[in-house]
Amino acid sequence: MRGETIYKILDFIEDSSLSAVDLTTAILQAGYGASMSKIEYGNKILSKERESYRYDRQEGRHLQVYLSKLKSDGLILENFSNKLQLSKNGKHKLKLLKRNKIIDKNSFKKEIGNRTIIISYDIPISFNKERNILRNILRVLGFRLIHKSVWIGKVKISQQFIDALSTLGILKFVEILEVTKNGSLKEI
């Protein structure tokens, strides 16, 4: 990066000169006849305040860079009064992020049932992400894979699971079957 060496040198000089200023300020604030420990304590407080200010300033810079990236990606816009607002792409991205956040596999609880449940799906390629979310949820619920897209388990199906499938937009691609007679299926 151009100017990186100059930046490092100037930043180092600023740090060392500021520590001398902090020490001088600590001595003056401690007053006449103050012990060395009181002066060191004052210097430590001033250093912490300066470090906190530097951290806040650095975080502000990170936020500015991130906002600039969001603007260049076309996700946010500035209106005529310099207020930030979502663009059409930003609203779409937010919708996708909310949908994925709502479906948290760890929010599902395994509840053992009396009957064997078979879940089979044929989900189009355009729903790869949703298929992976479904697989993770099925694992958490205690289902096990018996064929490429066929899962089996003695688990109660909750309304939360059905709602998650609907939210993901894959409910129409999923078949849920309850087995009343095992036939050739082995006990699980």
N, C-alpha and C. Protein backbone atom coordinates (compact mmCIF):
# COMPACT_ATOMS: atom_id res chain seq x y z
N MET A 1 0.85 -1.18 0.00
CA MET A 1 0.00 0.00 0.00
C MET A 1 0.88 1.23 0.00
N ARG A 2 0.60 2.14 -0.88
CA ARG A 2 1.40 3.35 -1.01
C ARG A 2 1.26 4.22 0.23
N GLY A 3 2.36 4.64 0.79
CA GLY A 3 2.36 5.50 1.97
C GLY A 3 2.25 4.74 3.27
N GLU A 4 2.28 3.41 3.23
CA GLU A 4 2.13 2.62 4.44
C GLU A 4 3.31 2.82 5.39
N THR A 5 4.51 2.90 4.86
CA THR A 5 5.70 3.09 5.69
C THR A 5 5.65 4.45 6.38
N ILE A 6 5.29 5.48 5.62
CA ILE A 6 5.18 6.83 6.20
C ILE A 6 4.12 6.83 7.30
N TYR A 7 3.00 6.16 7.04
CA TYR A 7 1.93 6.09 8.04
C TYR A 7 2.44 5.45 9.33
N LYS A 8 3.16 4.33 9.21
CA LYS A 8 3.66 3.63 10.40
C LYS A 8 4.62 4.50 11.20
N ILE A 9 5.49 5.21 10.49
CA ILE A 9 6.47 6.08 11.18
C ILE A 9 5.75 7.20 11.91
N LEU A 10 4.85 7.88 11.22
CA LEU A 10 4.12 8.99 11.84
C LEU A 10 3.26 8.52 13.01
N ASP A 11 2.65 7.36 12.86
CA ASP A 11 1.82 6.82 13.93
C ASP A 11 2.67 6.48 15.16
N PHE A 12 3.87 5.92 14.94
CA PHE A 12 4.76 5.61 16.05
C PHE A 12 5.20 6.88 16.78
N ILE A 13 5.56 7.90 16.01
CA ILE A 13 5.99 9.16 16.62
C ILE A 13 4.85 9.78 17.41
N GLU A 14 3.64 9.71 16.84
CA GLU A 14 2.48 10.25 17.55
C GLU A 14 2.29 9.52 18.87
N ASP A 15 2.40 8.17 18.87
CA ASP A 15 2.23 7.40 20.09
C ASP A 15 3.26 7.77 21.15
N SER A 16 4.53 7.88 20.74
CA SER A 16 5.57 8.18 21.72
C SER A 16 5.45 9.60 22.25
N SER A 17 5.08 10.55 21.39
CA SER A 17 4.94 11.92 21.87
C SER A 17 3.72 12.05 22.76
N LEU A 18 2.66 11.31 22.46
CA LEU A 18 1.47 11.37 23.29
C LEU A 18 1.71 10.75 24.65
N SER A 19 2.54 9.72 24.73
CA SER A 19 2.82 9.13 26.03
C SER A 19 3.61 10.11 26.90
N ALA A 20 4.48 10.92 26.30
CA ALA A 20 5.20 11.96 27.05
C ALA A 20 4.24 13.03 27.54
N VAL A 21 3.28 13.38 26.67
CA VAL A 21 2.27 14.37 27.05
C VAL A 21 1.41 13.82 28.18
N ASP A 22 1.03 12.54 28.09
CA ASP A 22 0.23 11.91 29.14
C ASP A 22 0.96 11.93 30.48
N LEU A 23 2.27 11.62 30.45
CA LEU A 23 3.05 11.62 31.68
C LEU A 23 3.11 13.02 32.29
N THR A 24 3.35 14.01 31.45
CA THR A 24 3.40 15.39 31.94
C THR A 24 2.06 15.81 32.53
N THR A 25 0.98 15.46 31.84
CA THR A 25 -0.36 15.78 32.34
C THR A 25 -0.63 15.07 33.65
N ALA A 26 -0.22 13.83 33.77
CA ALA A 26 -0.43 13.07 35.01
C ALA A 26 0.33 13.71 36.17
N ILE A 27 1.54 14.18 35.92
CA ILE A 27 2.33 14.84 36.97
C ILE A 27 1.65 16.12 37.42
N LEU A 28 1.17 16.88 36.44
CA LEU A 28 0.51 18.15 36.78
C LEU A 28 -0.81 17.92 37.51
N GLN A 29 -1.56 16.90 37.11
CA GLN A 29 -2.84 16.63 37.76
C GLN A 29 -2.65 16.04 39.16
N ALA A 30 -1.57 15.31 39.38
CA ALA A 30 -1.34 14.68 40.68
C ALA A 30 -1.06 15.73 41.75
N GLY A 31 -0.46 16.84 41.35
CA GLY A 31 -0.21 17.91 42.30
C GLY A 31 1.13 17.78 42.99
N TYR A 32 1.47 18.84 43.73
CA TYR A 32 2.75 18.92 44.41
C TYR A 32 2.82 17.87 45.52
N GLY A 33 3.93 17.17 45.60
CA GLY A 33 4.18 16.20 46.66
C GLY A 33 3.48 14.86 46.44
N ALA A 34 2.95 14.61 45.25
CA ALA A 34 2.25 13.35 44.98
C ALA A 34 3.25 12.21 44.89
N SER A 35 2.79 11.04 45.29
CA SER A 35 3.67 9.87 45.22
C SER A 35 3.79 9.40 43.76
N MET A 36 4.82 8.61 43.53
CA MET A 36 5.05 8.08 42.18
C MET A 36 3.90 7.17 41.75
N SER A 37 3.34 6.42 42.69
CA SER A 37 2.23 5.53 42.35
C SER A 37 1.00 6.32 41.91
N LYS A 38 0.76 7.49 42.50
CA LYS A 38 -0.37 8.34 42.10
C LYS A 38 -0.14 8.88 40.69
N ILE A 39 1.11 9.25 40.41
CA ILE A 39 1.44 9.75 39.07
C ILE A 39 1.29 8.62 38.04
N GLU A 40 1.77 7.41 38.37
CA GLU A 40 1.63 6.27 37.47
C GLU A 40 0.16 5.93 37.23
N TYR A 41 -0.63 6.00 38.30
CA TYR A 41 -2.06 5.73 38.18
C TYR A 41 -2.72 6.74 37.24
N GLY A 42 -2.40 8.01 37.41
CA GLY A 42 -2.94 9.06 36.54
C GLY A 42 -2.51 8.85 35.09
N ASN A 43 -1.25 8.47 34.90
CA ASN A 43 -0.74 8.21 33.55
C ASN A 43 -1.47 7.02 32.92
N LYS A 44 -1.72 5.99 33.73
CA LYS A 44 -2.42 4.81 33.22
C LYS A 44 -3.85 5.17 32.78
N ILE A 45 -4.53 5.99 33.56
CA ILE A 45 -5.89 6.41 33.22
C ILE A 45 -5.89 7.21 31.91
N LEU A 46 -4.95 8.14 31.78
CA LEU A 46 -4.85 8.94 30.56
C LEU A 46 -4.55 8.07 29.34
N SER A 47 -3.68 7.08 29.53
CA SER A 47 -3.35 6.17 28.43
C SER A 47 -4.57 5.35 28.02
N LYS A 48 -5.33 4.89 29.01
CA LYS A 48 -6.54 4.12 28.71
C LYS A 48 -7.55 4.97 27.95
N GLU A 49 -7.71 6.21 28.39
CA GLU A 49 -8.65 7.11 27.70
C GLU A 49 -8.22 7.34 26.25
N ARG A 50 -6.93 7.53 26.05
CA ARG A 50 -6.42 7.75 24.69
C ARG A 50 -6.60 6.50 23.84
N GLU A 51 -6.34 5.34 24.43
CA GLU A 51 -6.51 4.08 23.69
C GLU A 51 -7.98 3.85 23.35
N SER A 52 -8.86 4.20 24.28
CA SER A 52 -10.29 4.06 24.03
C SER A 52 -10.72 4.99 22.89
N TYR A 53 -10.19 6.22 22.90
CA TYR A 53 -10.50 7.16 21.82
C TYR A 53 -9.99 6.62 20.48
N ARG A 54 -8.78 6.07 20.48
CA ARG A 54 -8.20 5.53 19.25
C ARG A 54 -9.04 4.34 18.75
N TYR A 55 -9.48 3.49 19.68
CA TYR A 55 -10.30 2.35 19.31
C TYR A 55 -11.63 2.82 18.71
N ASP A 56 -12.27 3.80 19.37
CA ASP A 56 -13.54 4.32 18.86
C ASP A 56 -13.35 4.93 17.48
N ARG A 57 -12.25 5.66 17.28
CA ARG A 57 -11.97 6.28 15.99
C ARG A 57 -11.74 5.20 14.93
N GLN A 58 -11.03 4.14 15.30
CA GLN A 58 -10.77 3.04 14.37
C GLN A 58 -12.07 2.33 14.01
N GLU A 59 -12.93 2.11 14.99
CA GLU A 59 -14.22 1.47 14.72
C GLU A 59 -15.06 2.34 13.80
N GLY A 60 -15.00 3.66 14.00
CA GLY A 60 -15.71 4.59 13.11
C GLY A 60 -15.21 4.48 11.68
N ARG A 61 -13.90 4.34 11.53
CA ARG A 61 -13.33 4.19 10.19
C ARG A 61 -13.80 2.88 9.55
N HIS A 62 -13.83 1.81 10.33
CA HIS A 62 -14.30 0.52 9.81
C HIS A 62 -15.75 0.63 9.35
N LEU A 63 -16.56 1.33 10.14
CA LEU A 63 -17.96 1.52 9.77
C LEU A 63 -18.09 2.32 8.48
N GLN A 64 -17.28 3.38 8.35
CA GLN A 64 -17.31 4.18 7.12
C GLN A 64 -16.92 3.35 5.91
N VAL A 65 -15.90 2.52 6.06
CA VAL A 65 -15.46 1.67 4.95
C VAL A 65 -16.56 0.68 4.59
N TYR A 66 -17.20 0.10 5.60
CA TYR A 66 -18.26 -0.88 5.35
C TYR A 66 -19.46 -0.22 4.68
N LEU A 67 -19.84 0.98 5.14
CA LEU A 67 -20.94 1.70 4.51
C LEU A 67 -20.61 2.04 3.06
N SER A 68 -19.37 2.41 2.83
CA SER A 68 -18.94 2.72 1.46
C SER A 68 -19.05 1.48 0.58
N LYS A 69 -18.69 0.33 1.12
CA LYS A 69 -18.81 -0.92 0.37
C LYS A 69 -20.27 -1.24 0.07
N LEU A 70 -21.14 -1.04 1.06
CA LEU A 70 -22.57 -1.28 0.83
C LEU A 70 -23.13 -0.35 -0.24
N LYS A 71 -22.65 0.89 -0.26
CA LYS A 71 -23.08 1.85 -1.30
C LYS A 71 -22.59 1.40 -2.66
N SER A 72 -21.32 1.00 -2.75
CA SER A 72 -20.78 0.59 -4.05
C SER A 72 -21.42 -0.70 -4.55
N ASP A 73 -21.89 -1.56 -3.62
CA ASP A 73 -22.60 -2.77 -4.01
C ASP A 73 -24.05 -2.50 -4.38
N GLY A 74 -24.49 -1.26 -4.15
CA GLY A 74 -25.85 -0.89 -4.52
C GLY A 74 -26.90 -1.34 -3.52
N LEU A 75 -26.50 -1.59 -2.28
CA LEU A 75 -27.45 -2.06 -1.27
C LEU A 75 -28.06 -0.92 -0.48
N ILE A 76 -27.34 0.21 -0.37
CA ILE A 76 -27.89 1.38 0.32
C ILE A 76 -27.67 2.62 -0.53
N LEU A 77 -28.51 3.62 -0.28
CA LEU A 77 -28.44 4.89 -0.99
C LEU A 77 -28.52 6.03 0.01
N GLU A 78 -28.04 7.20 -0.38
CA GLU A 78 -28.22 8.40 0.43
C GLU A 78 -29.30 9.22 -0.25
N ASN A 79 -30.32 9.63 0.53
CA ASN A 79 -31.35 10.46 -0.07
C ASN A 79 -30.92 11.93 -0.05
N PHE A 80 -31.80 12.83 -0.47
CA PHE A 80 -31.44 14.24 -0.60
C PHE A 80 -31.03 14.90 0.71
N SER A 81 -31.47 14.37 1.85
CA SER A 81 -31.09 14.95 3.14
C SER A 81 -29.97 14.15 3.81
N ASN A 82 -29.18 13.43 3.01
CA ASN A 82 -28.03 12.63 3.47
C ASN A 82 -28.40 11.54 4.47
N LYS A 83 -29.64 11.07 4.42
CA LYS A 83 -30.04 9.94 5.25
C LYS A 83 -29.89 8.67 4.43
N LEU A 84 -29.44 7.61 5.09
CA LEU A 84 -29.25 6.33 4.41
C LEU A 84 -30.59 5.60 4.30
N GLN A 85 -30.78 4.96 3.16
CA GLN A 85 -31.97 4.14 2.96
C GLN A 85 -31.61 2.94 2.11
N LEU A 86 -32.42 1.91 2.21
CA LEU A 86 -32.17 0.69 1.45
C LEU A 86 -32.57 0.88 -0.01
N SER A 87 -31.76 0.34 -0.89
CA SER A 87 -32.13 0.32 -2.31
C SER A 87 -33.01 -0.90 -2.54
N LYS A 88 -33.46 -1.08 -3.77
CA LYS A 88 -34.28 -2.25 -4.11
C LYS A 88 -33.47 -3.53 -3.86
N ASN A 89 -32.19 -3.52 -4.29
CA ASN A 89 -31.33 -4.68 -4.04
C ASN A 89 -31.10 -4.89 -2.55
N GLY A 90 -30.99 -3.80 -1.80
CA GLY A 90 -30.79 -3.89 -0.36
C GLY A 90 -31.98 -4.51 0.34
N LYS A 91 -33.18 -4.15 -0.11
CA LYS A 91 -34.39 -4.73 0.48
C LYS A 91 -34.46 -6.22 0.19
N HIS A 92 -34.08 -6.60 -1.03
CA HIS A 92 -34.09 -8.02 -1.40
C HIS A 92 -33.06 -8.80 -0.57
N LYS A 93 -31.87 -8.22 -0.41
CA LYS A 93 -30.81 -8.87 0.38
C LYS A 93 -31.25 -9.02 1.84
N LEU A 94 -31.88 -7.96 2.39
CA LEU A 94 -32.36 -8.01 3.76
C LEU A 94 -33.41 -9.10 3.93
N LYS A 95 -34.28 -9.23 2.95
CA LYS A 95 -35.32 -10.27 2.99
C LYS A 95 -34.68 -11.66 3.03
N LEU A 96 -33.66 -11.86 2.19
CA LEU A 96 -32.96 -13.15 2.18
C LEU A 96 -32.27 -13.43 3.51
N LEU A 97 -31.61 -12.40 4.05
CA LEU A 97 -30.90 -12.58 5.32
C LEU A 97 -31.87 -12.87 6.46
N LYS A 98 -33.01 -12.18 6.47
CA LYS A 98 -34.00 -12.43 7.52
C LYS A 98 -34.54 -13.85 7.42
N ARG A 99 -34.81 -14.28 6.19
CA ARG A 99 -35.35 -15.62 6.00
C ARG A 99 -34.37 -16.67 6.51
N ASN A 100 -33.09 -16.50 6.22
CA ASN A 100 -32.09 -17.45 6.68
C ASN A 100 -31.87 -17.37 8.18
N LYS A 101 -32.02 -16.19 8.75
CA LYS A 101 -31.83 -16.02 10.19
C LYS A 101 -32.98 -16.64 10.97
N ILE A 102 -34.19 -16.55 10.42
CA ILE A 102 -35.36 -17.09 11.09
C ILE A 102 -35.22 -18.60 11.25
N ILE A 103 -34.65 -19.26 10.26
CA ILE A 103 -34.51 -20.72 10.28
C ILE A 103 -33.20 -21.07 10.96
N ASP A 104 -33.22 -21.18 12.25
CA ASP A 104 -32.02 -21.55 13.02
C ASP A 104 -32.17 -23.00 13.44
N LYS A 105 -31.28 -23.84 12.94
CA LYS A 105 -31.39 -25.28 13.20
C LYS A 105 -31.35 -25.59 14.69
N ASN A 106 -30.69 -24.75 15.47
CA ASN A 106 -30.56 -25.02 16.91
C ASN A 106 -31.84 -24.72 17.68
N SER A 107 -32.81 -24.06 17.03
CA SER A 107 -34.07 -23.76 17.71
C SER A 107 -35.02 -24.96 17.68
N PHE A 108 -34.68 -25.98 16.90
CA PHE A 108 -35.52 -27.17 16.81
C PHE A 108 -35.14 -28.15 17.91
N LYS A 109 -36.15 -28.72 18.55
CA LYS A 109 -35.93 -29.67 19.63
C LYS A 109 -36.35 -31.07 19.20
N LYS A 110 -35.51 -32.03 19.50
CA LYS A 110 -35.80 -33.43 19.17
C LYS A 110 -36.86 -33.95 20.13
N GLU A 111 -37.95 -34.46 19.55
CA GLU A 111 -39.01 -35.03 20.36
C GLU A 111 -39.34 -36.42 19.81
N ILE A 112 -39.08 -37.44 20.59
CA ILE A 112 -39.25 -38.82 20.14
C ILE A 112 -40.74 -39.15 20.04
N GLY A 113 -41.09 -39.82 18.95
CA GLY A 113 -42.48 -40.22 18.72
C GLY A 113 -42.63 -41.73 18.77
N ASN A 114 -43.86 -42.20 18.60
CA ASN A 114 -44.15 -43.64 18.66
C ASN A 114 -44.02 -44.31 17.30
N ARG A 115 -44.26 -43.55 16.25
CA ARG A 115 -44.27 -44.12 14.91
C ARG A 115 -43.08 -43.64 14.09
N THR A 116 -42.75 -44.45 13.11
CA THR A 116 -41.64 -44.11 12.23
C THR A 116 -42.12 -43.11 11.19
N ILE A 117 -41.33 -42.07 11.00
CA ILE A 117 -41.63 -41.02 10.02
C ILE A 117 -40.59 -41.10 8.92
N ILE A 118 -41.05 -41.02 7.68
CA ILE A 118 -40.16 -40.97 6.53
C ILE A 118 -40.35 -39.62 5.85
N ILE A 119 -39.25 -38.95 5.63
CA ILE A 119 -39.28 -37.67 4.92
C ILE A 119 -38.48 -37.83 3.64
N SER A 120 -39.13 -37.54 2.54
CA SER A 120 -38.51 -37.64 1.23
C SER A 120 -38.67 -36.30 0.52
N TYR A 121 -37.67 -35.90 -0.24
CA TYR A 121 -37.78 -34.64 -0.96
C TYR A 121 -37.10 -34.72 -2.31
N ASP A 122 -37.59 -33.90 -3.22
CA ASP A 122 -36.99 -33.73 -4.54
C ASP A 122 -36.96 -32.23 -4.78
N ILE A 123 -35.92 -31.60 -4.29
CA ILE A 123 -35.81 -30.14 -4.30
C ILE A 123 -34.96 -29.71 -5.49
N PRO A 124 -35.44 -28.76 -6.29
CA PRO A 124 -34.68 -28.29 -7.46
C PRO A 124 -33.33 -27.69 -7.07
N ILE A 125 -32.42 -27.67 -8.04
CA ILE A 125 -31.06 -27.17 -7.83
C ILE A 125 -31.06 -25.72 -7.36
N SER A 126 -32.02 -24.94 -7.82
CA SER A 126 -32.06 -23.52 -7.44
C SER A 126 -32.28 -23.33 -5.94
N PHE A 127 -32.65 -24.39 -5.23
CA PHE A 127 -32.87 -24.33 -3.79
C PHE A 127 -31.78 -25.07 -3.02
N ASN A 128 -30.55 -25.08 -3.51
CA ASN A 128 -29.46 -25.80 -2.85
C ASN A 128 -29.26 -25.37 -1.40
N LYS A 129 -29.28 -24.08 -1.17
CA LYS A 129 -29.06 -23.55 0.17
C LYS A 129 -30.17 -24.03 1.11
N GLU A 130 -31.40 -23.97 0.63
CA GLU A 130 -32.54 -24.39 1.43
C GLU A 130 -32.47 -25.90 1.71
N ARG A 131 -32.00 -26.68 0.72
CA ARG A 131 -31.86 -28.12 0.90
C ARG A 131 -30.86 -28.41 2.02
N ASN A 132 -29.76 -27.67 2.04
CA ASN A 132 -28.75 -27.86 3.09
C ASN A 132 -29.31 -27.51 4.46
N ILE A 133 -30.11 -26.45 4.52
CA ILE A 133 -30.74 -26.08 5.80
C ILE A 133 -31.67 -27.20 6.26
N LEU A 134 -32.45 -27.76 5.32
CA LEU A 134 -33.35 -28.87 5.65
C LEU A 134 -32.57 -30.06 6.19
N ARG A 135 -31.49 -30.41 5.54
CA ARG A 135 -30.66 -31.54 6.00
C ARG A 135 -30.16 -31.32 7.42
N ASN A 136 -29.69 -30.11 7.69
CA ASN A 136 -29.19 -29.80 9.04
C ASN A 136 -30.30 -29.92 10.08
N ILE A 137 -31.49 -29.44 9.74
CA ILE A 137 -32.62 -29.53 10.67
C ILE A 137 -32.99 -30.99 10.91
N LEU A 138 -33.00 -31.79 9.85
CA LEU A 138 -33.33 -33.21 10.00
C LEU A 138 -32.33 -33.92 10.90
N ARG A 139 -31.07 -33.59 10.78
CA ARG A 139 -30.04 -34.18 11.67
C ARG A 139 -30.30 -33.80 13.12
N VAL A 140 -30.61 -32.52 13.35
CA VAL A 140 -30.86 -32.05 14.70
C VAL A 140 -32.08 -32.74 15.30
N LEU A 141 -33.10 -32.97 14.48
CA LEU A 141 -34.31 -33.62 14.96
C LEU A 141 -34.12 -35.10 15.24
N GLY A 142 -33.05 -35.70 14.74
CA GLY A 142 -32.77 -37.10 15.02
C GLY A 142 -33.08 -38.04 13.87
N PHE A 143 -33.32 -37.50 12.69
CA PHE A 143 -33.53 -38.35 11.52
C PHE A 143 -32.18 -38.84 11.02
N ARG A 144 -32.22 -39.99 10.32
CA ARG A 144 -30.99 -40.45 9.70
C ARG A 144 -31.26 -40.74 8.23
N LEU A 145 -30.24 -40.56 7.44
CA LEU A 145 -30.32 -40.70 6.00
C LEU A 145 -30.29 -42.18 5.62
N ILE A 146 -31.30 -42.61 4.83
CA ILE A 146 -31.28 -44.01 4.36
C ILE A 146 -31.09 -44.10 2.86
N HIS A 147 -31.30 -43.01 2.16
CA HIS A 147 -31.07 -42.92 0.72
C HIS A 147 -30.83 -41.45 0.41
N LYS A 148 -30.41 -41.13 -0.81
CA LYS A 148 -30.00 -39.77 -1.16
C LYS A 148 -30.88 -38.67 -0.54
N SER A 149 -32.17 -38.75 -0.72
CA SER A 149 -33.04 -37.70 -0.20
C SER A 149 -34.19 -38.31 0.61
N VAL A 150 -33.91 -39.40 1.28
CA VAL A 150 -34.92 -40.06 2.11
C VAL A 150 -34.35 -40.19 3.52
N TRP A 151 -35.10 -39.67 4.49
CA TRP A 151 -34.68 -39.67 5.88
C TRP A 151 -35.72 -40.42 6.70
N ILE A 152 -35.28 -41.08 7.76
CA ILE A 152 -36.18 -41.86 8.59
C ILE A 152 -35.87 -41.60 10.07
N GLY A 153 -36.92 -41.64 10.89
CA GLY A 153 -36.72 -41.45 12.32
C GLY A 153 -38.01 -41.59 13.09
N LYS A 154 -37.91 -41.91 14.35
CA LYS A 154 -39.07 -41.96 15.25
C LYS A 154 -39.13 -40.62 15.98
N VAL A 155 -39.63 -39.64 15.25
CA VAL A 155 -39.63 -38.26 15.73
C VAL A 155 -41.00 -37.66 15.48
N LYS A 156 -41.47 -36.86 16.43
CA LYS A 156 -42.70 -36.11 16.22
C LYS A 156 -42.40 -34.90 15.35
N ILE A 157 -43.25 -34.67 14.38
CA ILE A 157 -43.09 -33.52 13.49
C ILE A 157 -43.86 -32.35 14.10
N SER A 158 -43.15 -31.26 14.35
CA SER A 158 -43.78 -30.09 14.97
C SER A 158 -44.27 -29.11 13.91
N GLN A 159 -45.16 -28.25 14.33
CA GLN A 159 -45.66 -27.20 13.44
C GLN A 159 -44.52 -26.26 13.07
N GLN A 160 -43.57 -26.08 13.97
CA GLN A 160 -42.40 -25.23 13.71
C GLN A 160 -41.63 -25.75 12.49
N PHE A 161 -41.51 -27.07 12.38
CA PHE A 161 -40.81 -27.68 11.25
C PHE A 161 -41.55 -27.41 9.94
N ILE A 162 -42.87 -27.58 9.96
CA ILE A 162 -43.69 -27.32 8.78
C ILE A 162 -43.60 -25.84 8.39
N ASP A 163 -43.65 -24.95 9.38
CA ASP A 163 -43.53 -23.51 9.11
C ASP A 163 -42.17 -23.17 8.51
N ALA A 164 -41.12 -23.85 8.99
CA ALA A 164 -39.78 -23.61 8.46
C ALA A 164 -39.71 -24.01 6.99
N LEU A 165 -40.30 -25.15 6.65
CA LEU A 165 -40.32 -25.59 5.25
C LEU A 165 -41.06 -24.57 4.38
N SER A 166 -42.15 -24.07 4.92
CA SER A 166 -42.94 -23.07 4.18
C SER A 166 -42.14 -21.78 4.01
N THR A 167 -41.48 -21.34 5.06
CA THR A 167 -40.67 -20.12 5.00
C THR A 167 -39.54 -20.27 3.99
N LEU A 168 -38.93 -21.43 3.96
CA LEU A 168 -37.85 -21.69 3.00
C LEU A 168 -38.37 -21.80 1.57
N GLY A 169 -39.67 -22.00 1.41
CA GLY A 169 -40.27 -22.12 0.09
C GLY A 169 -40.10 -23.49 -0.53
N ILE A 170 -39.91 -24.52 0.32
CA ILE A 170 -39.67 -25.87 -0.21
C ILE A 170 -40.71 -26.87 0.26
N LEU A 171 -41.76 -26.41 0.91
CA LEU A 171 -42.78 -27.31 1.45
C LEU A 171 -43.40 -28.18 0.35
N LYS A 172 -43.58 -27.62 -0.84
CA LYS A 172 -44.23 -28.39 -1.92
C LYS A 172 -43.31 -29.48 -2.49
N PHE A 173 -42.02 -29.44 -2.16
CA PHE A 173 -41.08 -30.44 -2.66
C PHE A 173 -40.81 -31.55 -1.65
N VAL A 174 -41.43 -31.46 -0.46
CA VAL A 174 -41.15 -32.39 0.63
C VAL A 174 -42.38 -33.25 0.91
N GLU A 175 -42.16 -34.56 1.03
CA GLU A 175 -43.23 -35.49 1.41
C GLU A 175 -42.90 -36.05 2.79
N ILE A 176 -43.90 -36.03 3.68
CA ILE A 176 -43.74 -36.56 5.03
C ILE A 176 -44.72 -37.72 5.18
N LEU A 177 -44.19 -38.89 5.46
CA LEU A 177 -45.01 -40.10 5.57
C LEU A 177 -44.87 -40.70 6.97
N GLU A 178 -45.98 -41.23 7.46
CA GLU A 178 -45.96 -41.92 8.75
C GLU A 178 -46.17 -43.40 8.47
N VAL A 179 -45.29 -44.21 8.99
CA VAL A 179 -45.35 -45.65 8.77
C VAL A 179 -46.15 -46.29 9.89
N THR A 180 -47.23 -47.00 9.51
CA THR A 180 -48.04 -47.68 10.53
C THR A 180 -47.63 -49.13 10.70
N LYS A 181 -47.11 -49.74 9.61
CA LYS A 181 -46.60 -51.11 9.69
C LYS A 181 -45.19 -51.10 9.10
N ASN A 182 -44.27 -51.70 9.83
CA ASN A 182 -42.87 -51.62 9.43
C ASN A 182 -42.54 -52.41 8.18
N GLY A 183 -43.15 -53.54 7.94
CA GLY A 183 -42.82 -54.32 6.77
C GLY A 183 -41.37 -54.74 6.79
N SER A 184 -40.65 -54.43 5.72
CA SER A 184 -39.25 -54.83 5.64
C SER A 184 -38.29 -53.83 6.27
N LEU A 185 -38.83 -52.71 6.80
CA LEU A 185 -37.97 -51.72 7.47
C LEU A 185 -37.43 -52.29 8.77
N LYS A 186 -36.18 -52.06 9.01
CA LYS A 186 -35.56 -52.52 10.25
C LYS A 186 -35.92 -51.56 11.37
N GLU A 187 -35.92 -52.06 12.56
CA GLU A 187 -36.22 -51.25 13.73
C GLU A 187 -35.11 -50.20 13.90
N ILE A 188 -35.50 -48.95 14.16
CA ILE A 188 -34.49 -47.90 14.34
C ILE A 188 -34.42 -47.46 15.78
